Amino acid sequence: MAEPPSTWQVQQRPPLMTRRYEFASYAETRKFLDDLAVLSERTGYFPDLNFGKTHVNVSVAPREETLGETEYGFTAQVDALADKARG
Protein backbone atom coordinates (compact mmCIF):
# COMPACT_ATOMS: atom_id res chain seq x y z
CA MET A 1 0.00 0.00 0.00
CA ALA A 2 1.22 3.49 -0.82
CA GLU A 3 2.16 5.94 1.89
CA PRO A 4 0.84 9.50 2.26
CA PRO A 5 3.22 12.26 1.21
CA SER A 6 5.26 13.36 4.24
CA THR A 7 4.29 16.97 3.53
CA TRP A 8 0.68 16.32 4.56
CA GLN A 9 -0.76 16.04 8.08
CA VAL A 10 -2.75 12.83 8.49
CA GLN A 11 -5.38 12.17 11.12
CA GLN A 12 -7.23 8.89 11.60
CA ARG A 13 -10.41 9.95 13.41
CA PRO A 14 -12.06 11.20 11.38
CA PRO A 15 -9.80 10.18 8.49
CA LEU A 16 -8.48 13.35 6.88
CA MET A 17 -5.34 14.74 5.24
CA THR A 18 -4.54 18.46 5.38
CA ARG A 19 -1.86 20.76 4.06
CA ARG A 20 -1.30 24.51 3.93
CA TYR A 21 0.43 25.96 0.87
CA GLU A 22 2.10 29.37 0.98
CA PHE A 23 2.69 31.42 -2.16
CA ALA A 24 4.70 34.57 -2.87
CA SER A 25 1.89 36.37 -4.69
CA TYR A 26 -1.79 36.29 -5.52
CA ALA A 27 -0.88 35.30 -9.09
CA GLU A 28 0.78 32.11 -7.79
CA THR A 29 -2.20 31.38 -5.54
CA ARG A 30 -4.59 31.86 -8.44
CA LYS A 31 -2.51 29.63 -10.74
CA PHE A 32 -2.54 26.87 -8.12
CA LEU A 33 -6.31 27.15 -7.59
CA ASP A 34 -6.99 27.13 -11.34
CA ASP A 35 -4.78 24.07 -11.86
CA LEU A 36 -6.37 22.36 -8.86
CA ALA A 37 -9.81 22.95 -10.38
CA VAL A 38 -8.68 21.24 -13.59
CA LEU A 39 -7.25 18.30 -11.62
CA SER A 40 -10.48 17.97 -9.65
CA GLU A 41 -12.60 17.98 -12.80
CA ARG A 42 -10.34 15.36 -14.37
CA THR A 43 -10.25 13.04 -11.35
CA GLY A 44 -13.69 13.72 -9.90
CA TYR A 45 -12.02 14.34 -6.54
CA PHE A 46 -12.94 17.66 -4.93
CA PRO A 47 -11.05 18.59 -1.73
CA ASP A 48 -12.25 21.17 0.77
CA LEU A 49 -10.45 24.48 0.30
CA ASN A 50 -9.88 27.57 2.40
CA PHE A 51 -7.72 30.30 0.92
CA GLY A 52 -6.50 33.85 1.19
CA LYS A 53 -4.34 36.11 -0.95
CA THR A 54 -1.15 34.05 -0.60
CA HIS A 55 -2.17 30.77 1.02
CA VAL A 56 -4.41 27.76 0.43
CA ASN A 57 -5.48 25.15 2.97
CA VAL A 58 -6.46 21.84 1.36
CA SER A 59 -8.33 19.06 3.17
CA VAL A 60 -8.80 15.64 1.61
CA ALA A 61 -11.32 13.19 3.06
CA PRO A 62 -11.50 9.57 1.92
CA ARG A 63 -14.08 8.31 -0.55
CA GLU A 64 -14.25 5.08 1.44
CA GLU A 65 -13.96 4.59 5.20
CA THR A 66 -10.19 5.04 5.39
CA LEU A 67 -7.46 6.95 3.60
CA GLY A 68 -5.76 4.98 0.86
CA GLU A 69 -3.95 4.99 -2.45
CA THR A 70 -6.57 7.18 -4.16
CA GLU A 71 -6.12 9.97 -1.63
CA TYR A 72 -2.34 9.55 -1.46
CA GLY A 73 -2.04 9.75 -5.24
CA PHE A 74 -4.30 12.80 -5.39
CA THR A 75 -2.30 14.65 -2.72
CA ALA A 76 0.96 13.92 -4.54
CA GLN A 77 -0.55 15.51 -7.65
CA VAL A 78 -1.65 18.54 -5.60
CA ASP A 79 1.93 18.93 -4.31
CA ALA A 80 3.19 18.93 -7.91
CA LEU A 81 0.67 21.64 -8.84
CA ALA A 82 1.91 23.84 -5.98
CA ASP A 83 5.50 23.45 -7.16
CA LYS A 84 4.42 24.33 -10.71
CA ALA A 85 2.50 27.43 -9.54
CA ARG A 86 5.58 28.68 -7.70
CA GLY A 87 7.56 28.46 -10.95
PDB file of N, CA and C in Angstrom:
ATOM      1  N   MET A   1       0.841  -1.190   0.000  1.00  0.00           N
ATOM      2  CA  MET A   1       0.000   0.000   0.000  1.00  0.00           C
ATOM      3  C   MET A   1       0.880   1.245   0.000  1.00  0.00           C
ATOM      4  N   ALA A   2       0.473   2.234  -0.732  1.00  0.00           N
ATOM      5  CA  ALA A   2       1.220   3.488  -0.822  1.00  0.00           C
ATOM      6  C   ALA A   2       1.155   4.232   0.507  1.00  0.00           C
ATOM      7  N   GLU A   3       2.093   5.123   0.682  1.00  0.00           N
ATOM      8  CA  GLU A   3       2.157   5.941   1.889  1.00  0.00           C
ATOM      9  C   GLU A   3       1.742   7.368   1.549  1.00  0.00           C
ATOM     10  N   PRO A   4       1.178   8.096   2.517  1.00  0.00           N
ATOM     11  CA  PRO A   4       0.841   9.497   2.255  1.00  0.00           C
ATOM     12  C   PRO A   4       2.112  10.324   2.113  1.00  0.00           C
ATOM     13  N   PRO A   5       2.059  11.380   1.302  1.00  0.00           N
ATOM     14  CA  PRO A   5       3.219  12.265   1.214  1.00  0.00           C
ATOM     15  C   PRO A   5       3.555  12.817   2.603  1.00  0.00           C
ATOM     16  N   SER A   6       4.831  12.902   2.918  1.00  0.00           N
ATOM     17  CA  SER A   6       5.256  13.365   4.244  1.00  0.00           C
ATOM     18  C   SER A   6       4.933  14.833   4.481  1.00  0.00           C
ATOM     19  N   THR A   7       4.598  15.551   3.427  1.00  0.00           N
ATOM     20  CA  THR A   7       4.290  16.972   3.529  1.00  0.00           C
ATOM     21  C   THR A   7       2.872  17.231   4.037  1.00  0.00           C
ATOM     22  N   TRP A   8       2.074  16.188   4.134  1.00  0.00           N
ATOM     23  CA  TRP A   8       0.683  16.317   4.562  1.00  0.00           C
ATOM     24  C   TRP A   8       0.524  15.845   6.005  1.00  0.00           C
ATOM     25  N   GLN A   9      -0.402  16.492   6.734  1.00  0.00           N
ATOM     26  CA  GLN A   9      -0.762  16.036   8.076  1.00  0.00           C
ATOM     27  C   GLN A   9      -1.892  15.024   7.920  1.00  0.00           C
ATOM     28  N   VAL A  10      -1.756  13.899   8.591  1.00  0.00           N
ATOM     29  CA  VAL A  10      -2.749  12.832   8.488  1.00  0.00           C
ATOM     30  C   VAL A  10      -3.368  12.597   9.860  1.00  0.00           C
ATOM     31  N   GLN A  11      -4.690  12.548   9.890  1.00  0.00           N
ATOM     32  CA  GLN A  11      -5.379  12.167  11.121  1.00  0.00           C
ATOM     33  C   GLN A  11      -6.263  10.963  10.804  1.00  0.00           C
ATOM     34  N   GLN A  12      -6.483  10.137  11.809  1.00  0.00           N
ATOM     35  CA  GLN A  12      -7.234   8.894  11.599  1.00  0.00           C
ATOM     36  C   GLN A  12      -8.709   8.988  11.986  1.00  0.00           C
ATOM     37  N   ARG A  13      -9.028   9.841  12.964  1.00  0.00           N
ATOM     38  CA  ARG A  13     -10.413   9.953  13.415  1.00  0.00           C
ATOM     39  C   ARG A  13     -10.845  11.389  13.491  1.00  0.00           C
ATOM     40  N   PRO A  14     -11.660  11.864  12.623  1.00  0.00           N
ATOM     41  CA  PRO A  14     -12.064  11.202  11.381  1.00  0.00           C
ATOM     42  C   PRO A  14     -10.892  11.190  10.398  1.00  0.00           C
ATOM     43  N   PRO A  15     -10.899  10.248   9.454  1.00  0.00           N
ATOM     44  CA  PRO A  15      -9.798  10.182   8.490  1.00  0.00           C
ATOM     45  C   PRO A  15      -9.770  11.432   7.616  1.00  0.00           C
ATOM     46  N   LEU A  16      -8.604  12.091   7.601  1.00  0.00           N
ATOM     47  CA  LEU A  16      -8.479  13.355   6.880  1.00  0.00           C
ATOM     48  C   LEU A  16      -7.002  13.663   6.666  1.00  0.00           C
ATOM     49  N   MET A  17      -6.696  14.253   5.526  1.00  0.00           N
ATOM     50  CA  MET A  17      -5.337  14.737   5.242  1.00  0.00           C
ATOM     51  C   MET A  17      -5.438  16.231   4.982  1.00  0.00           C
ATOM     52  N   THR A  18      -4.517  17.009   5.564  1.00  0.00           N
ATOM     53  CA  THR A  18      -4.535  18.457   5.378  1.00  0.00           C
ATOM     54  C   THR A  18      -3.138  18.974   5.068  1.00  0.00           C
ATOM     55  N   ARG A  19      -3.129  20.083   4.340  1.00  0.00           N
ATOM     56  CA  ARG A  19      -1.858  20.756   4.060  1.00  0.00           C
ATOM     57  C   ARG A  19      -2.141  22.220   3.762  1.00  0.00           C
ATOM     58  N   ARG A  20      -1.236  23.076   4.229  1.00  0.00           N
ATOM     59  CA  ARG A  20      -1.297  24.513   3.935  1.00  0.00           C
ATOM     60  C   ARG A  20      -0.179  24.829   2.954  1.00  0.00           C
ATOM     61  N   TYR A  21      -0.538  25.517   1.880  1.00  0.00           N
ATOM     62  CA  TYR A  21       0.429  25.959   0.873  1.00  0.00           C
ATOM     63  C   TYR A  21       0.573  27.468   0.970  1.00  0.00           C
ATOM     64  N   GLU A  22       1.796  27.941   0.964  1.00  0.00           N
ATOM     65  CA  GLU A  22       2.101  29.370   0.982  1.00  0.00           C
ATOM     66  C   GLU A  22       2.657  29.764  -0.381  1.00  0.00           C
ATOM     67  N   PHE A  23       2.233  30.921  -0.874  1.00  0.00           N
ATOM     68  CA  PHE A  23       2.688  31.422  -2.164  1.00  0.00           C
ATOM     69  C   PHE A  23       3.211  32.845  -2.019  1.00  0.00           C
ATOM     70  N   ALA A  24       4.075  33.248  -2.933  1.00  0.00           N
ATOM     71  CA  ALA A  24       4.704  34.568  -2.870  1.00  0.00           C
ATOM     72  C   ALA A  24       3.778  35.680  -3.344  1.00  0.00           C
ATOM     73  N   SER A  25       2.760  35.336  -4.129  1.00  0.00           N
ATOM     74  CA  SER A  25       1.889  36.368  -4.693  1.00  0.00           C
ATOM     75  C   SER A  25       0.497  35.800  -4.957  1.00  0.00           C
ATOM     76  N   TYR A  26      -0.436  36.715  -5.171  1.00  0.00           N
ATOM     77  CA  TYR A  26      -1.792  36.289  -5.521  1.00  0.00           C
ATOM     78  C   TYR A  26      -1.795  35.553  -6.857  1.00  0.00           C
ATOM     79  N   ALA A  27      -0.942  35.966  -7.782  1.00  0.00           N
ATOM     80  CA  ALA A  27      -0.876  35.302  -9.092  1.00  0.00           C
ATOM     81  C   ALA A  27      -0.517  33.821  -8.930  1.00  0.00           C
ATOM     82  N   GLU A  28       0.415  33.511  -8.041  1.00  0.00           N
ATOM     83  CA  GLU A  28       0.778  32.112  -7.791  1.00  0.00           C
ATOM     84  C   GLU A  28      -0.386  31.354  -7.151  1.00  0.00           C
ATOM     85  N   THR A  29      -1.044  32.000  -6.194  1.00  0.00           N
ATOM     86  CA  THR A  29      -2.196  31.377  -5.542  1.00  0.00           C
ATOM     87  C   THR A  29      -3.271  31.064  -6.567  1.00  0.00           C
ATOM     88  N   ARG A  30      -3.557  32.035  -7.408  1.00  0.00           N
ATOM     89  CA  ARG A  30      -4.590  31.861  -8.442  1.00  0.00           C
ATOM     90  C   ARG A  30      -4.221  30.749  -9.416  1.00  0.00           C
ATOM     91  N   LYS A  31      -2.970  30.683  -9.828  1.00  0.00           N
ATOM     92  CA  LYS A  31      -2.510  29.629 -10.738  1.00  0.00           C
ATOM     93  C   LYS A  31      -2.732  28.261 -10.093  1.00  0.00           C
ATOM     94  N   PHE A  32      -2.355  28.130  -8.839  1.00  0.00           N
ATOM     95  CA  PHE A  32      -2.541  26.874  -8.119  1.00  0.00           C
ATOM     96  C   PHE A  32      -4.023  26.493  -8.058  1.00  0.00           C
ATOM     97  N   LEU A  33      -4.879  27.441  -7.690  1.00  0.00           N
ATOM     98  CA  LEU A  33      -6.310  27.151  -7.591  1.00  0.00           C
ATOM     99  C   LEU A  33      -6.907  26.769  -8.942  1.00  0.00           C
ATOM    100  N   ASP A  34      -6.499  27.466 -10.000  1.00  0.00           N
ATOM    101  CA  ASP A  34      -6.991  27.131 -11.342  1.00  0.00           C
ATOM    102  C   ASP A  34      -6.551  25.729 -11.753  1.00  0.00           C
ATOM    103  N   ASP A  35      -5.286  25.409 -11.511  1.00  0.00           N
ATOM    104  CA  ASP A  35      -4.776  24.075 -11.856  1.00  0.00           C
ATOM    105  C   ASP A  35      -5.439  22.992 -10.999  1.00  0.00           C
ATOM    106  N   LEU A  36      -5.695  23.308  -9.742  1.00  0.00           N
ATOM    107  CA  LEU A  36      -6.367  22.355  -8.860  1.00  0.00           C
ATOM    108  C   LEU A  36      -7.799  22.098  -9.334  1.00  0.00           C
ATOM    109  N   ALA A  37      -8.460  23.127  -9.834  1.00  0.00           N
ATOM    110  CA  ALA A  37      -9.810  22.951 -10.384  1.00  0.00           C
ATOM    111  C   ALA A  37      -9.792  21.995 -11.572  1.00  0.00           C
ATOM    112  N   VAL A  38      -8.803  22.135 -12.437  1.00  0.00           N
ATOM    113  CA  VAL A  38      -8.675  21.239 -13.595  1.00  0.00           C
ATOM    114  C   VAL A  38      -8.429  19.803 -13.126  1.00  0.00           C
ATOM    115  N   LEU A  39      -7.528  19.633 -12.161  1.00  0.00           N
ATOM    116  CA  LEU A  39      -7.249  18.302 -11.618  1.00  0.00           C
ATOM    117  C   LEU A  39      -8.514  17.693 -11.014  1.00  0.00           C
ATOM    118  N   SER A  40      -9.259  18.478 -10.270  1.00  0.00           N
ATOM    119  CA  SER A  40     -10.480  17.974  -9.646  1.00  0.00           C
ATOM    120  C   SER A  40     -11.505  17.554 -10.692  1.00  0.00           C
ATOM    121  N   GLU A  41     -11.666  18.342 -11.724  1.00  0.00           N
ATOM    122  CA  GLU A  41     -12.597  17.981 -12.800  1.00  0.00           C
ATOM    123  C   GLU A  41     -12.157  16.689 -13.477  1.00  0.00           C
ATOM    124  N   ARG A  42     -10.868  16.542 -13.694  1.00  0.00           N
ATOM    125  CA  ARG A  42     -10.339  15.359 -14.374  1.00  0.00           C
ATOM    126  C   ARG A  42     -10.483  14.096 -13.520  1.00  0.00           C
ATOM    127  N   THR A  43     -10.243  14.213 -12.222  1.00  0.00           N
ATOM    128  CA  THR A  43     -10.253  13.039 -11.347  1.00  0.00           C
ATOM    129  C   THR A  43     -11.598  12.807 -10.660  1.00  0.00           C
ATOM    130  N   GLY A  44     -12.437  13.835 -10.622  1.00  0.00           N
ATOM    131  CA  GLY A  44     -13.693  13.720  -9.896  1.00  0.00           C
ATOM    132  C   GLY A  44     -13.507  13.774  -8.390  1.00  0.00           C
ATOM    133  N   TYR A  45     -12.343  14.243  -7.961  1.00  0.00           N
ATOM    134  CA  TYR A  45     -12.022  14.336  -6.538  1.00  0.00           C
ATOM    135  C   TYR A  45     -11.948  15.809  -6.155  1.00  0.00           C
ATOM    136  N   PHE A  46     -12.833  16.245  -5.268  1.00  0.00           N
ATOM    137  CA  PHE A  46     -12.940  17.658  -4.926  1.00  0.00           C
ATOM    138  C   PHE A  46     -12.628  17.876  -3.441  1.00  0.00           C
ATOM    139  N   PRO A  47     -11.423  18.364  -3.133  1.00  0.00           N
ATOM    140  CA  PRO A  47     -11.054  18.594  -1.733  1.00  0.00           C
ATOM    141  C   PRO A  47     -11.743  19.839  -1.186  1.00  0.00           C
ATOM    142  N   ASP A  48     -11.774  19.945   0.127  1.00  0.00           N
ATOM    143  CA  ASP A  48     -12.250  21.166   0.770  1.00  0.00           C
ATOM    144  C   ASP A  48     -11.113  22.176   0.743  1.00  0.00           C
ATOM    145  N   LEU A  49     -11.456  23.425   0.426  1.00  0.00           N
ATOM    146  CA  LEU A  49     -10.448  24.479   0.301  1.00  0.00           C
ATOM    147  C   LEU A  49     -10.800  25.665   1.179  1.00  0.00           C
ATOM    148  N   ASN A  50      -9.773  26.306   1.695  1.00  0.00           N
ATOM    149  CA  ASN A  50      -9.877  27.573   2.395  1.00  0.00           C
ATOM    150  C   ASN A  50      -8.664  28.359   1.944  1.00  0.00           C
ATOM    151  N   PHE A  51      -8.876  29.577   1.451  1.00  0.00           N
ATOM    152  CA  PHE A  51      -7.719  30.299   0.922  1.00  0.00           C
ATOM    153  C   PHE A  51      -7.812  31.793   1.156  1.00  0.00           C
ATOM    154  N   GLY A  52      -6.641  32.411   1.111  1.00  0.00           N
ATOM    155  CA  GLY A  52      -6.497  33.849   1.195  1.00  0.00           C
ATOM    156  C   GLY A  52      -5.610  34.309   0.051  1.00  0.00           C
ATOM    157  N   LYS A  53      -5.128  35.519   0.132  1.00  0.00           N
ATOM    158  CA  LYS A  53      -4.339  36.106  -0.952  1.00  0.00           C
ATOM    159  C   LYS A  53      -3.111  35.276  -1.309  1.00  0.00           C
ATOM    160  N   THR A  54      -2.401  34.771  -0.313  1.00  0.00           N
ATOM    161  CA  THR A  54      -1.153  34.052  -0.598  1.00  0.00           C
ATOM    162  C   THR A  54      -1.057  32.698   0.113  1.00  0.00           C
ATOM    163  N   HIS A  55      -2.203  32.106   0.430  1.00  0.00           N
ATOM    164  CA  HIS A  55      -2.168  30.767   1.022  1.00  0.00           C
ATOM    165  C   HIS A  55      -3.414  29.980   0.625  1.00  0.00           C
ATOM    166  N   VAL A  56      -3.278  28.664   0.667  1.00  0.00           N
ATOM    167  CA  VAL A  56      -4.409  27.762   0.428  1.00  0.00           C
ATOM    168  C   VAL A  56      -4.302  26.599   1.404  1.00  0.00           C
ATOM    169  N   ASN A  57      -5.383  26.333   2.120  1.00  0.00           N
ATOM    170  CA  ASN A  57      -5.482  25.152   2.973  1.00  0.00           C
ATOM    171  C   ASN A  57      -6.318  24.115   2.229  1.00  0.00           C
ATOM    172  N   VAL A  58      -5.779  22.916   2.088  1.00  0.00           N
ATOM    173  CA  VAL A  58      -6.456  21.842   1.364  1.00  0.00           C
ATOM    174  C   VAL A  58      -6.721  20.698   2.336  1.00  0.00           C
ATOM    175  N   SER A  59      -7.958  20.213   2.350  1.00  0.00           N
ATOM    176  CA  SER A  59      -8.332  19.059   3.174  1.00  0.00           C
ATOM    177  C   SER A  59      -8.900  17.976   2.270  1.00  0.00           C
ATOM    178  N   VAL A  60      -8.381  16.773   2.428  1.00  0.00           N
ATOM    179  CA  VAL A  60      -8.802  15.639   1.610  1.00  0.00           C
ATOM    180  C   VAL A  60      -9.381  14.567   2.527  1.00  0.00           C
ATOM    181  N   ALA A  61     -10.656  14.262   2.322  1.00  0.00           N
ATOM    182  CA  ALA A  61     -11.319  13.190   3.062  1.00  0.00           C
ATOM    183  C   ALA A  61     -11.399  11.960   2.156  1.00  0.00           C
ATOM    184  N   PRO A  62     -11.464  10.784   2.743  1.00  0.00           N
ATOM    185  CA  PRO A  62     -11.500   9.575   1.916  1.00  0.00           C
ATOM    186  C   PRO A  62     -12.860   9.357   1.258  1.00  0.00           C
ATOM    187  N   ARG A  63     -12.840   8.714   0.109  1.00  0.00           N
ATOM    188  CA  ARG A  63     -14.083   8.312  -0.549  1.00  0.00           C
ATOM    189  C   ARG A  63     -14.677   7.098   0.156  1.00  0.00           C
ATOM    190  N   GLU A  64     -13.823   6.264   0.694  1.00  0.00           N
ATOM    191  CA  GLU A  64     -14.251   5.079   1.444  1.00  0.00           C
ATOM    192  C   GLU A  64     -14.120   5.397   2.933  1.00  0.00           C
ATOM    193  N   GLU A  65     -14.034   4.381   3.760  1.00  0.00           N
ATOM    194  CA  GLU A  65     -13.960   4.594   5.203  1.00  0.00           C
ATOM    195  C   GLU A  65     -12.594   5.050   5.686  1.00  0.00           C
ATOM    196  N   THR A  66     -11.538   4.693   4.956  1.00  0.00           N
ATOM    197  CA  THR A  66     -10.188   5.039   5.386  1.00  0.00           C
ATOM    198  C   THR A  66      -9.409   5.680   4.245  1.00  0.00           C
ATOM    199  N   LEU A  67      -8.346   6.366   4.604  1.00  0.00           N
ATOM    200  CA  LEU A  67      -7.459   6.945   3.605  1.00  0.00           C
ATOM    201  C   LEU A  67      -6.701   5.827   2.906  1.00  0.00           C
ATOM    202  N   GLY A  68      -6.461   6.012   1.605  1.00  0.00           N
ATOM    203  CA  GLY A  68      -5.761   4.975   0.858  1.00  0.00           C
ATOM    204  C   GLY A  68      -5.047   5.524  -0.358  1.00  0.00           C
ATOM    205  N   GLU A  69      -4.750   4.641  -1.282  1.00  0.00           N
ATOM    206  CA  GLU A  69      -3.950   4.992  -2.452  1.00  0.00           C
ATOM    207  C   GLU A  69      -4.572   6.100  -3.290  1.00  0.00           C
ATOM    208  N   THR A  70      -5.903   6.124  -3.387  1.00  0.00           N
ATOM    209  CA  THR A  70      -6.569   7.175  -4.164  1.00  0.00           C
ATOM    210  C   THR A  70      -6.244   8.544  -3.591  1.00  0.00           C
ATOM    211  N   GLU A  71      -6.383   8.683  -2.286  1.00  0.00           N
ATOM    212  CA  GLU A  71      -6.117   9.966  -1.631  1.00  0.00           C
ATOM    213  C   GLU A  71      -4.633  10.306  -1.669  1.00  0.00           C
ATOM    214  N   TYR A  72      -3.778   9.311  -1.447  1.00  0.00           N
ATOM    215  CA  TYR A  72      -2.337   9.554  -1.462  1.00  0.00           C
ATOM    216  C   TYR A  72      -1.874   9.999  -2.845  1.00  0.00           C
ATOM    217  N   GLY A  73      -2.394   9.366  -3.870  1.00  0.00           N
ATOM    218  CA  GLY A  73      -2.042   9.753  -5.236  1.00  0.00           C
ATOM    219  C   GLY A  73      -2.524  11.150  -5.570  1.00  0.00           C
ATOM    220  N   PHE A  74      -3.748  11.468  -5.128  1.00  0.00           N
ATOM    221  CA  PHE A  74      -4.297  12.797  -5.389  1.00  0.00           C
ATOM    222  C   PHE A  74      -3.456  13.865  -4.701  1.00  0.00           C
ATOM    223  N   THR A  75      -3.078  13.637  -3.439  1.00  0.00           N
ATOM    224  CA  THR A  75      -2.305  14.646  -2.716  1.00  0.00           C
ATOM    225  C   THR A  75      -0.914  14.833  -3.322  1.00  0.00           C
ATOM    226  N   ALA A  76      -0.339  13.785  -3.851  1.00  0.00           N
ATOM    227  CA  ALA A  76       0.958  13.925  -4.536  1.00  0.00           C
ATOM    228  C   ALA A  76       0.811  14.804  -5.775  1.00  0.00           C
ATOM    229  N   GLN A  77      -0.301  14.662  -6.479  1.00  0.00           N
ATOM    230  CA  GLN A  77      -0.552  15.513  -7.645  1.00  0.00           C
ATOM    231  C   GLN A  77      -0.767  16.970  -7.228  1.00  0.00           C
ATOM    232  N   VAL A  78      -1.430  17.182  -6.102  1.00  0.00           N
ATOM    233  CA  VAL A  78      -1.645  18.542  -5.597  1.00  0.00           C
ATOM    234  C   VAL A  78      -0.301  19.179  -5.241  1.00  0.00           C
ATOM    235  N   ASP A  79       0.592  18.418  -4.616  1.00  0.00           N
ATOM    236  CA  ASP A  79       1.930  18.932  -4.306  1.00  0.00           C
ATOM    237  C   ASP A  79       2.648  19.375  -5.578  1.00  0.00           C
ATOM    238  N   ALA A  80       2.536  18.586  -6.631  1.00  0.00           N
ATOM    239  CA  ALA A  80       3.186  18.927  -7.905  1.00  0.00           C
ATOM    240  C   ALA A  80       2.598  20.205  -8.491  1.00  0.00           C
ATOM    241  N   LEU A  81       1.294  20.406  -8.344  1.00  0.00           N
ATOM    242  CA  LEU A  81       0.669  21.635  -8.842  1.00  0.00           C
ATOM    243  C   LEU A  81       1.187  22.858  -8.085  1.00  0.00           C
ATOM    244  N   ALA A  82       1.388  22.717  -6.779  1.00  0.00           N
ATOM    245  CA  ALA A  82       1.909  23.836  -5.985  1.00  0.00           C
ATOM    246  C   ALA A  82       3.316  24.198  -6.438  1.00  0.00           C
ATOM    247  N   ASP A  83       4.140  23.193  -6.670  1.00  0.00           N
ATOM    248  CA  ASP A  83       5.501  23.452  -7.162  1.00  0.00           C
ATOM    249  C   ASP A  83       5.459  24.157  -8.511  1.00  0.00           C
ATOM    250  N   LYS A  84       4.567  23.723  -9.378  1.00  0.00           N
ATOM    251  CA  LYS A  84       4.421  24.328 -10.708  1.00  0.00           C
ATOM    252  C   LYS A  84       3.969  25.789 -10.594  1.00  0.00           C
ATOM    253  N   ALA A  85       3.020  26.063  -9.699  1.00  0.00           N
ATOM    254  CA  ALA A  85       2.504  27.426  -9.538  1.00  0.00           C
ATOM    255  C   ALA A  85       3.582  28.381  -9.036  1.00  0.00           C
ATOM    256  N   ARG A  86       4.502  27.854  -8.243  1.00  0.00           N
ATOM    257  CA  ARG A  86       5.582  28.685  -7.704  1.00  0.00           C
ATOM    258  C   ARG A  86       6.674  28.943  -8.737  1.00  0.00           C
ATOM    259  N   GLY A  87       6.602  28.239  -9.851  1.00  0.00           N
ATOM    260  CA  GLY A  87       7.556  28.457 -10.947  1.00  0.00           C
ATOM    261  C   GLY A  87       8.849  27.831 -10.689  1.00  0.00           C
TER     262      GLY A  87
END
